[in-house]
Each structure stands twice: as C-alpha cells, then as structure tokens.
Amino acid sequence: MPKIKTRKAAAKRYKKTGSGNFLRHRAYKGHLLRKKSNKQKRRLSTTLCVTVSDSKAIKLMLPY
C-alpha cells in the first residue's frame, strides 16, 4: 500500500498536541487592523482547541 499524503494546507494551520487534540488560530487578524480595538486584536491572537466534530476531518488530513 502506498503512503497517505499529508495535506500541506492543514499542516500549516493546525498543530497536534500531546493528548491528540488540535490547536488552531482565530480568523480575522490578517488585515484591516486599524479599525479593530486592541482588546479584539489581543483576543484574536490566542489559540484554541478545535471542536470534536471538526477534529475528525483534520485527523484524516494529518495522518502522521
């Protein structure tokens, strides 16, 4: 059987933790930052865990 390829777009966006969960960054911090408050930009900088329903699809994209 051939190896399963890793989806490189998913590998750049998600990071796997030691317990098997996935971490992701929040959206809306790429541009148009002058109109956003410091509080909003600080909140968008944090990372959070991916939900269980989405992590099943990410596990298929990141097999290794």
N, C-alpha and C. Protein backbone atom coordinates (compact mmCIF):
# COMPACT_ATOMS: atom_id res chain seq x y z
N MET A 1 0.83 -1.19 0.00
CA MET A 1 0.00 0.00 0.00
C MET A 1 0.88 1.25 0.00
N PRO A 2 0.50 2.25 -0.78
CA PRO A 2 1.27 3.50 -0.76
C PRO A 2 1.00 4.29 0.51
N LYS A 3 1.92 5.19 0.78
CA LYS A 3 1.76 6.03 1.96
C LYS A 3 0.62 7.03 1.75
N ILE A 4 0.02 7.47 2.83
CA ILE A 4 -1.01 8.50 2.76
C ILE A 4 -0.32 9.85 2.82
N LYS A 5 -0.69 10.75 1.91
CA LYS A 5 -0.06 12.06 1.87
C LYS A 5 -0.70 12.99 2.88
N THR A 6 0.13 13.84 3.46
CA THR A 6 -0.35 14.87 4.38
C THR A 6 -0.83 16.06 3.58
N ARG A 7 -1.97 16.62 3.95
CA ARG A 7 -2.45 17.84 3.31
C ARG A 7 -1.65 19.01 3.87
N LYS A 8 -0.84 19.63 3.03
CA LYS A 8 0.08 20.66 3.49
C LYS A 8 -0.65 21.90 3.98
N ALA A 9 -1.79 22.22 3.42
CA ALA A 9 -2.55 23.38 3.88
C ALA A 9 -3.02 23.17 5.32
N ALA A 10 -3.44 21.95 5.64
CA ALA A 10 -3.86 21.65 7.01
C ALA A 10 -2.67 21.60 7.95
N ALA A 11 -1.53 21.15 7.46
CA ALA A 11 -0.35 21.07 8.32
C ALA A 11 0.14 22.45 8.72
N LYS A 12 -0.10 23.46 7.86
CA LYS A 12 0.30 24.82 8.20
C LYS A 12 -0.68 25.49 9.15
N ARG A 13 -1.92 25.01 9.21
CA ARG A 13 -2.95 25.68 10.00
C ARG A 13 -3.17 25.06 11.36
N TYR A 14 -2.90 23.77 11.51
CA TYR A 14 -3.22 23.06 12.75
C TYR A 14 -1.96 22.45 13.35
N LYS A 15 -1.95 22.36 14.68
CA LYS A 15 -0.83 21.76 15.40
C LYS A 15 -1.40 20.71 16.34
N LYS A 16 -0.80 19.55 16.34
CA LYS A 16 -1.30 18.46 17.18
C LYS A 16 -0.65 18.54 18.57
N THR A 17 -1.46 18.37 19.60
CA THR A 17 -0.97 18.40 20.97
C THR A 17 -0.59 16.99 21.40
N GLY A 18 -0.03 16.89 22.59
CA GLY A 18 0.36 15.59 23.11
C GLY A 18 -0.80 14.68 23.41
N SER A 19 -1.95 15.26 23.76
CA SER A 19 -3.12 14.46 24.08
C SER A 19 -3.94 14.09 22.86
N GLY A 20 -3.52 14.54 21.68
CA GLY A 20 -4.23 14.18 20.46
C GLY A 20 -5.18 15.24 19.95
N ASN A 21 -5.32 16.35 20.67
CA ASN A 21 -6.17 17.43 20.19
C ASN A 21 -5.42 18.26 19.16
N PHE A 22 -6.15 19.18 18.54
CA PHE A 22 -5.55 20.06 17.54
C PHE A 22 -5.76 21.50 17.97
N LEU A 23 -4.71 22.32 17.77
CA LEU A 23 -4.78 23.74 18.07
C LEU A 23 -4.92 24.52 16.78
N ARG A 24 -5.63 25.64 16.85
CA ARG A 24 -5.80 26.48 15.69
C ARG A 24 -5.75 27.94 16.11
N HIS A 25 -5.52 28.81 15.15
CA HIS A 25 -5.56 30.25 15.39
C HIS A 25 -6.92 30.78 15.01
N ARG A 26 -7.24 31.95 15.52
CA ARG A 26 -8.51 32.57 15.18
C ARG A 26 -8.41 33.33 13.86
N ALA A 27 -9.53 33.54 13.22
CA ALA A 27 -9.58 34.25 11.95
C ALA A 27 -9.69 35.75 12.18
N TYR A 28 -9.67 36.52 11.11
CA TYR A 28 -9.90 37.97 11.08
C TYR A 28 -8.75 38.78 11.67
N LYS A 29 -7.52 38.29 11.60
CA LYS A 29 -6.40 39.10 12.05
C LYS A 29 -5.37 39.27 10.95
N GLY A 30 -5.76 39.11 9.71
CA GLY A 30 -4.82 39.22 8.61
C GLY A 30 -4.63 40.64 8.12
N HIS A 31 -5.70 41.45 8.13
CA HIS A 31 -5.61 42.81 7.59
C HIS A 31 -6.75 43.63 8.19
N LEU A 32 -6.79 44.92 7.83
CA LEU A 32 -7.79 45.86 8.36
C LEU A 32 -7.73 45.92 9.88
N LEU A 33 -6.52 46.09 10.40
CA LEU A 33 -6.34 46.05 11.86
C LEU A 33 -6.50 47.42 12.51
N ARG A 34 -6.52 48.49 11.73
CA ARG A 34 -6.62 49.83 12.34
C ARG A 34 -7.98 50.06 12.97
N LYS A 35 -9.02 49.51 12.38
CA LYS A 35 -10.36 49.74 12.91
C LYS A 35 -10.72 48.82 14.06
N LYS A 36 -9.94 47.78 14.29
CA LYS A 36 -10.21 46.84 15.37
C LYS A 36 -9.57 47.35 16.66
N SER A 37 -10.24 47.11 17.76
CA SER A 37 -9.72 47.57 19.04
C SER A 37 -8.57 46.68 19.50
N ASN A 38 -7.79 47.18 20.45
CA ASN A 38 -6.68 46.39 20.98
C ASN A 38 -7.19 45.15 21.68
N LYS A 39 -8.35 45.27 22.33
CA LYS A 39 -8.93 44.12 23.02
C LYS A 39 -9.30 43.02 22.02
N GLN A 40 -9.87 43.42 20.90
CA GLN A 40 -10.26 42.44 19.89
C GLN A 40 -9.03 41.79 19.25
N LYS A 41 -8.00 42.59 18.97
CA LYS A 41 -6.80 42.03 18.36
C LYS A 41 -6.07 41.10 19.32
N ARG A 42 -6.08 41.43 20.60
CA ARG A 42 -5.46 40.56 21.59
C ARG A 42 -6.21 39.25 21.70
N ARG A 43 -7.53 39.29 21.63
CA ARG A 43 -8.34 38.07 21.70
C ARG A 43 -8.14 37.22 20.44
N LEU A 44 -7.96 37.85 19.30
CA LEU A 44 -7.75 37.11 18.06
C LEU A 44 -6.37 36.46 18.00
N SER A 45 -5.44 36.89 18.84
CA SER A 45 -4.10 36.33 18.83
C SER A 45 -4.01 35.00 19.57
N THR A 46 -5.01 34.68 20.37
CA THR A 46 -4.95 33.47 21.18
C THR A 46 -5.23 32.24 20.32
N THR A 47 -4.72 31.10 20.77
CA THR A 47 -5.00 29.83 20.13
C THR A 47 -6.06 29.09 20.93
N LEU A 48 -6.78 28.21 20.26
CA LEU A 48 -7.79 27.43 20.94
C LEU A 48 -7.86 26.05 20.32
N CYS A 49 -8.50 25.14 21.02
CA CYS A 49 -8.62 23.77 20.55
C CYS A 49 -9.74 23.66 19.52
N VAL A 50 -9.56 22.77 18.59
CA VAL A 50 -10.57 22.52 17.57
C VAL A 50 -11.66 21.66 18.20
N THR A 51 -12.90 21.87 17.77
CA THR A 51 -14.02 21.10 18.32
C THR A 51 -13.90 19.63 17.89
N VAL A 52 -14.60 18.77 18.59
CA VAL A 52 -14.50 17.34 18.34
C VAL A 52 -15.04 16.99 16.96
N SER A 53 -16.12 17.67 16.55
CA SER A 53 -16.70 17.36 15.25
C SER A 53 -15.77 17.74 14.10
N ASP A 54 -14.97 18.79 14.27
CA ASP A 54 -14.03 19.18 13.22
C ASP A 54 -12.73 18.39 13.29
N SER A 55 -12.39 17.90 14.45
CA SER A 55 -11.11 17.21 14.59
C SER A 55 -11.10 15.87 13.85
N LYS A 56 -12.27 15.28 13.62
CA LYS A 56 -12.31 14.02 12.87
C LYS A 56 -11.83 14.23 11.43
N ALA A 57 -12.23 15.34 10.83
CA ALA A 57 -11.80 15.63 9.47
C ALA A 57 -10.32 16.00 9.43
N ILE A 58 -9.84 16.67 10.47
CA ILE A 58 -8.43 17.06 10.50
C ILE A 58 -7.53 15.85 10.69
N LYS A 59 -8.00 14.86 11.42
CA LYS A 59 -7.21 13.64 11.58
C LYS A 59 -6.99 12.92 10.26
N LEU A 60 -7.97 13.00 9.37
CA LEU A 60 -7.81 12.39 8.05
C LEU A 60 -6.81 13.19 7.20
N MET A 61 -6.77 14.52 7.40
CA MET A 61 -5.85 15.34 6.60
C MET A 61 -4.42 15.25 7.13
N LEU A 62 -4.25 14.97 8.42
CA LEU A 62 -2.92 14.88 9.03
C LEU A 62 -2.72 13.47 9.58
N PRO A 63 -2.39 12.52 8.74
CA PRO A 63 -2.31 11.13 9.23
C PRO A 63 -1.09 10.85 10.07
N TYR A 64 -0.01 11.66 9.97
CA TYR A 64 1.22 11.36 10.68
C TYR A 64 1.56 12.42 11.70
